[in-house]
Protein backbone atom coordinates (compact mmCIF):
# COMPACT_ATOMS: atom_id res chain seq x y z
CA MET A 1 90.15 167.39 85.75
CA LYS A 2 90.07 166.52 82.03
CA ARG A 3 92.36 163.51 82.64
CA TYR A 4 90.10 162.36 85.48
CA LEU A 5 86.98 162.60 83.34
CA ILE A 6 88.56 160.66 80.47
CA LEU A 7 89.55 157.88 82.86
CA PHE A 8 86.03 157.71 84.21
CA LEU A 9 84.49 157.56 80.75
CA VAL A 10 86.58 154.47 80.00
CA PHE A 11 85.56 153.05 83.36
CA SER A 12 81.86 153.71 82.72
CA MET A 13 81.86 151.98 79.34
CA THR A 14 83.23 148.84 80.96
CA LEU A 15 81.17 149.08 84.11
CA SER A 16 77.74 148.24 82.77
CA GLN A 17 79.06 145.08 81.15
CA GLN A 18 81.26 143.70 83.93
CA ALA A 19 80.49 145.13 87.37
CA LEU A 20 78.14 142.66 88.99
CA GLY A 21 79.21 143.00 92.61
CA TRP A 22 79.47 140.03 94.91
CA GLY A 23 78.07 136.85 93.44
CA ARG A 24 74.81 135.49 94.79
CA ARG A 25 76.49 133.62 97.64
CA GLY A 26 78.35 136.70 98.82
CA HIS A 27 75.24 138.88 98.73
CA ASP A 28 73.22 136.15 100.45
CA ALA A 29 75.82 135.88 103.21
CA ILE A 30 75.77 139.65 103.80
CA ALA A 31 71.98 139.74 103.91
CA TYR A 32 71.78 136.76 106.26
CA ILE A 33 74.32 138.24 108.68
CA ALA A 34 72.20 141.39 108.64
CA GLU A 35 68.99 139.43 109.15
CA CYS A 36 70.45 137.65 112.16
CA ASN A 37 71.20 141.06 113.69
CA LEU A 38 67.85 142.74 113.06
CA THR A 39 65.62 143.62 115.98
CA LYS A 40 62.29 141.82 116.16
CA LYS A 41 60.46 145.07 115.51
CA ALA A 42 62.55 145.95 112.44
CA LYS A 43 62.13 142.45 111.03
CA LYS A 44 58.36 142.62 111.55
CA ASN A 45 58.06 146.03 109.90
CA ILE A 46 60.21 145.01 106.92
CA ALA A 47 58.05 141.91 106.43
CA LYS A 48 55.09 144.19 105.71
CA TYR A 49 56.79 145.24 102.46
CA LEU A 50 58.78 142.19 101.36
CA HIS A 51 57.11 138.85 100.78
CA TYR A 52 60.25 136.90 101.72
CA SER A 53 63.42 137.20 103.79
CA ILE A 54 65.85 140.00 102.91
CA VAL A 55 68.20 137.21 101.76
CA TYR A 56 65.75 136.42 98.97
CA TYR A 57 66.24 139.91 97.54
CA SER A 58 70.00 140.24 98.04
CA SER A 59 70.81 139.87 94.31
CA TRP A 60 67.59 141.38 93.03
CA MET A 61 69.36 144.42 91.57
CA ASP A 62 71.69 142.21 89.52
CA ASP A 63 68.75 140.14 88.29
CA TYR A 64 66.76 143.19 87.14
CA ARG A 65 69.44 145.67 86.11
CA HIS A 66 69.12 144.89 82.40
CA THR A 67 65.33 145.14 82.25
CA PRO A 68 63.85 148.29 80.69
CA GLN A 69 62.29 149.38 83.98
CA TYR A 70 65.57 149.25 85.94
CA ARG A 71 68.17 149.84 83.24
CA GLN A 72 69.07 153.16 84.87
CA THR A 73 70.43 151.22 87.86
CA SER A 74 73.07 149.33 85.86
CA GLU A 75 75.84 151.78 86.82
CA TRP A 76 74.87 152.10 90.47
CA HIS A 77 77.12 149.27 91.66
CA MET A 78 80.50 151.08 91.92
CA ALA A 79 81.84 154.52 92.81
CA ALA A 80 85.00 156.58 92.60
CA VAL A 81 87.44 157.94 95.17
CA ASP A 82 89.97 160.76 94.95
CA GLU A 83 93.69 160.65 95.75
CA ASN A 84 92.86 160.66 99.48
CA PHE A 85 90.47 157.70 99.12
CA ASN A 86 87.41 159.86 99.78
CA TYR A 87 84.25 159.28 97.81
CA THR A 88 83.97 161.82 95.02
CA GLU A 89 80.96 162.89 93.03
CA THR A 90 83.17 164.77 90.56
CA VAL A 91 83.40 161.85 88.14
CA ARG A 92 80.17 160.16 89.14
CA SER A 93 78.14 158.56 86.40
CA PRO A 94 75.21 160.81 85.44
CA GLN A 95 73.00 157.82 86.22
CA GLY A 96 74.26 157.48 89.81
CA ASP A 97 76.70 155.32 91.77
CA VAL A 98 76.70 152.97 94.73
CA VAL A 99 77.24 155.61 97.41
CA CYS A 100 74.85 158.34 96.28
CA GLU A 101 72.08 155.85 95.44
CA LEU A 102 72.42 154.10 98.79
CA GLU A 103 72.17 157.51 100.47
CA ASN A 104 69.12 158.34 98.35
CA ALA A 105 67.35 155.11 99.26
CA ILE A 106 68.06 155.59 102.96
CA ALA A 107 66.80 159.18 102.81
CA LYS A 108 63.56 158.10 101.16
CA LEU A 109 62.85 155.38 103.71
CA LYS A 110 63.31 157.70 106.68
CA ASN A 111 59.69 158.61 105.99
CA TYR A 112 58.66 155.19 104.75
CA LYS A 113 55.21 155.34 106.36
CA GLN A 114 54.35 158.21 104.02
CA LEU A 115 55.27 156.17 100.91
CA ASP A 116 53.32 153.61 98.96
CA ASP A 117 54.25 149.96 99.51
CA SER A 118 55.95 149.46 96.14
CA THR A 119 58.24 152.47 96.69
CA VAL A 120 59.24 151.15 100.11
CA ALA A 121 59.87 147.68 98.70
CA VAL A 122 62.08 148.77 95.82
CA ASN A 123 64.18 151.07 98.02
CA LEU A 124 64.59 148.26 100.52
CA LYS A 125 65.93 146.08 97.72
CA TYR A 126 68.34 148.87 96.73
CA ILE A 127 69.66 149.18 100.28
CA ILE A 128 70.07 145.42 100.71
CA HIS A 129 72.13 145.11 97.54
CA LEU A 130 74.07 148.39 97.45
CA THR A 131 75.31 148.06 101.02
CA GLY A 132 76.91 144.81 99.92
CA ASP A 133 78.32 146.19 96.68
CA MET A 134 80.02 149.16 98.31
CA HIS A 135 82.08 146.73 100.41
CA CYS A 136 83.28 144.62 97.48
CA PRO A 137 87.07 145.14 97.09
CA ALA A 138 86.86 145.53 93.31
CA HIS A 139 84.06 148.09 93.35
CA ILE A 140 86.17 151.20 93.79
CA PHE A 141 87.40 153.33 90.93
CA TYR A 142 90.81 154.73 91.90
CA PRO A 143 92.49 157.57 90.00
CA ASN A 144 95.49 156.43 87.95
CA LYS A 145 94.88 152.77 88.70
CA LYS A 146 93.93 150.21 86.07
CA ILE A 147 91.17 147.99 87.48
CA TRP A 148 89.87 146.18 84.38
CA TYR A 149 92.19 143.41 83.19
CA THR A 150 92.50 139.64 83.02
CA ILE A 151 94.37 137.09 85.12
CA LYS A 152 94.71 133.31 84.99
CA GLU A 153 93.65 130.70 87.47
CA ASN A 154 94.17 126.98 86.90
CA GLY A 155 95.00 127.69 83.28
CA LYS A 156 91.77 129.62 82.60
CA THR A 157 91.47 133.34 81.93
CA TYR A 158 89.14 135.51 84.03
CA THR A 159 88.62 139.18 84.65
CA TYR A 160 90.31 140.20 87.87
CA HIS A 161 87.09 141.95 88.86
CA SER A 162 85.19 138.65 88.76
CA THR A 163 87.83 137.04 90.97
CA TRP A 164 86.73 139.31 93.83
CA ASP A 165 83.05 139.16 92.97
CA THR A 166 82.79 135.37 92.88
CA GLY A 167 86.07 133.54 92.30
CA ILE A 168 87.52 133.66 95.80
CA ILE A 169 84.22 132.73 97.44
CA GLU A 170 83.32 129.98 94.98
CA ASN A 171 86.78 128.41 94.68
CA ARG A 172 88.13 128.82 98.18
CA GLU A 173 85.15 128.52 100.49
CA LYS A 174 82.36 126.05 99.87
CA TRP A 175 80.17 127.44 102.65
CA SER A 176 76.50 128.15 102.19
CA TYR A 177 75.34 131.62 103.17
CA THR A 178 74.14 130.27 106.52
CA GLU A 179 77.59 128.80 107.16
CA PHE A 180 79.16 132.16 106.38
CA GLU A 181 77.05 133.67 109.15
CA GLN A 182 77.85 130.84 111.56
CA GLN A 183 81.58 131.17 110.95
CA LEU A 184 81.93 134.97 110.77
CA ASP A 185 79.20 136.46 112.96
CA ARG A 186 81.00 136.03 116.29
CA CYS A 187 81.65 139.61 117.35
CA SER A 188 80.66 141.03 120.71
CA LYS A 189 77.94 143.65 120.97
CA GLN A 190 80.62 146.31 121.42
CA GLU A 191 82.55 145.11 118.36
CA LYS A 192 79.40 145.13 116.24
CA LYS A 193 78.68 148.70 117.29
CA ARG A 194 82.23 149.79 116.49
CA ILE A 195 82.11 148.20 113.05
CA SER A 196 78.68 149.59 112.16
CA ASP A 197 79.32 153.14 113.37
CA GLY A 198 79.76 155.79 110.68
CA THR A 199 78.15 156.80 107.42
CA PRO A 200 78.09 155.18 103.97
CA ARG A 201 80.73 157.66 102.80
CA GLU A 202 82.97 156.79 105.72
CA TRP A 203 82.47 153.09 105.08
CA PHE A 204 83.36 153.54 101.42
CA HIS A 205 86.50 155.48 102.38
CA GLU A 206 87.50 152.64 104.71
CA THR A 207 86.90 150.07 101.98
CA ALA A 208 88.98 152.08 99.52
CA VAL A 209 91.89 152.30 101.96
CA ASP A 210 91.73 148.64 102.99
CA CYS A 211 91.36 147.31 99.43
CA GLN A 212 93.72 149.55 97.44
CA HIS A 213 96.44 146.89 97.50
CA ILE A 214 94.45 144.22 95.65
CA TYR A 215 95.83 145.43 92.31
CA ASP A 216 99.38 144.94 93.59
CA MET A 217 98.49 141.43 94.76
CA ALA A 218 97.82 140.27 91.20
CA PRO A 219 98.95 142.52 88.32
CA GLU A 220 97.61 141.97 84.84
CA GLY A 221 98.40 138.50 83.48
CA SER A 222 99.10 136.98 86.91
CA ASN A 223 98.55 133.28 87.46
CA LEU A 224 96.70 133.04 90.77
CA GLY A 225 97.61 130.29 93.20
CA ASN A 226 97.29 129.35 96.86
CA ASP A 227 99.45 132.26 98.07
CA PHE A 228 97.04 134.72 96.50
CA MET A 229 94.01 132.91 97.92
CA ASN A 230 95.55 132.80 101.40
CA GLU A 231 95.99 136.59 101.32
CA ALA A 232 92.64 137.36 99.67
CA GLN A 233 90.35 135.17 101.76
CA PRO A 234 90.59 137.14 105.04
CA LEU A 235 89.88 140.40 103.20
CA VAL A 236 86.77 138.95 101.55
CA GLU A 237 85.50 137.60 104.87
CA SER A 238 86.15 140.90 106.63
CA GLN A 239 84.28 142.89 103.99
CA ILE A 240 81.30 140.53 104.04
CA LEU A 241 81.06 140.76 107.81
CA LYS A 242 81.29 144.56 107.85
CA ALA A 243 78.65 144.84 105.16
CA GLY A 244 76.31 142.54 107.10
CA TYR A 245 76.59 144.49 110.34
CA ARG A 246 76.23 147.83 108.57
CA LEU A 247 73.19 146.67 106.62
CA ALA A 248 71.61 145.55 109.89
CA ARG A 249 72.29 148.95 111.43
CA ILE A 250 70.71 150.80 108.48
CA LEU A 251 67.58 148.64 108.56
CA ASN A 252 67.25 148.74 112.35
CA GLU A 253 67.47 152.53 112.36
CA LEU A 254 64.90 152.85 109.58
CA PHE A 255 62.37 150.25 110.72
CA ASN A 256 62.76 150.01 114.49
């Protein structure tokens, strides 16, 4: 337990400075896939609390995380798993993490008609962003696995974390967020239901299992090339699509 806590303290000190989740394009793509799968009733009810599309607010948490009012949210963007890849609260930051805060926001909005408009709006923004973040491959803290280090790409040095947040999307795919939806959102109704079934904790477990190998793909100091991008691109696309469908399911259940 002591070893686990020490590892997490190191992780937490780095987290607030580096962990930004998907870049704006990735978050926009997730939100737009979700928006295209909202029911008319859910979309109408959500519009009572947000002035613009949910896409407009997809990166709101990143934009406001360093302001005094929302500084407590700066560590909400990642979470830890145990040796069996299950979400664990044992080493959770005292200020919260992506799983527990998503669960908290969902729980609050189950009775959204009893809340004031500003409380509904801010929790909507949390759900829109955190559902995306929990599907980012680099947003899992694994025990005994180093996740903060640098790599090289085209002769330049980057954090490996930022490669998954923005690098793969920005350098490999030049799609707009609407093109992401057009290219990826092609599942049948049955496939969408299968993907969106489950709970946030189950989704985070699945993400941890599916993404554990990314640190073997490019160890510290690696020089990333086309082979890496060819392997990474399908994983990024899959995680964006899952996050979009699951965000749609959350919002439909809350506001339908």
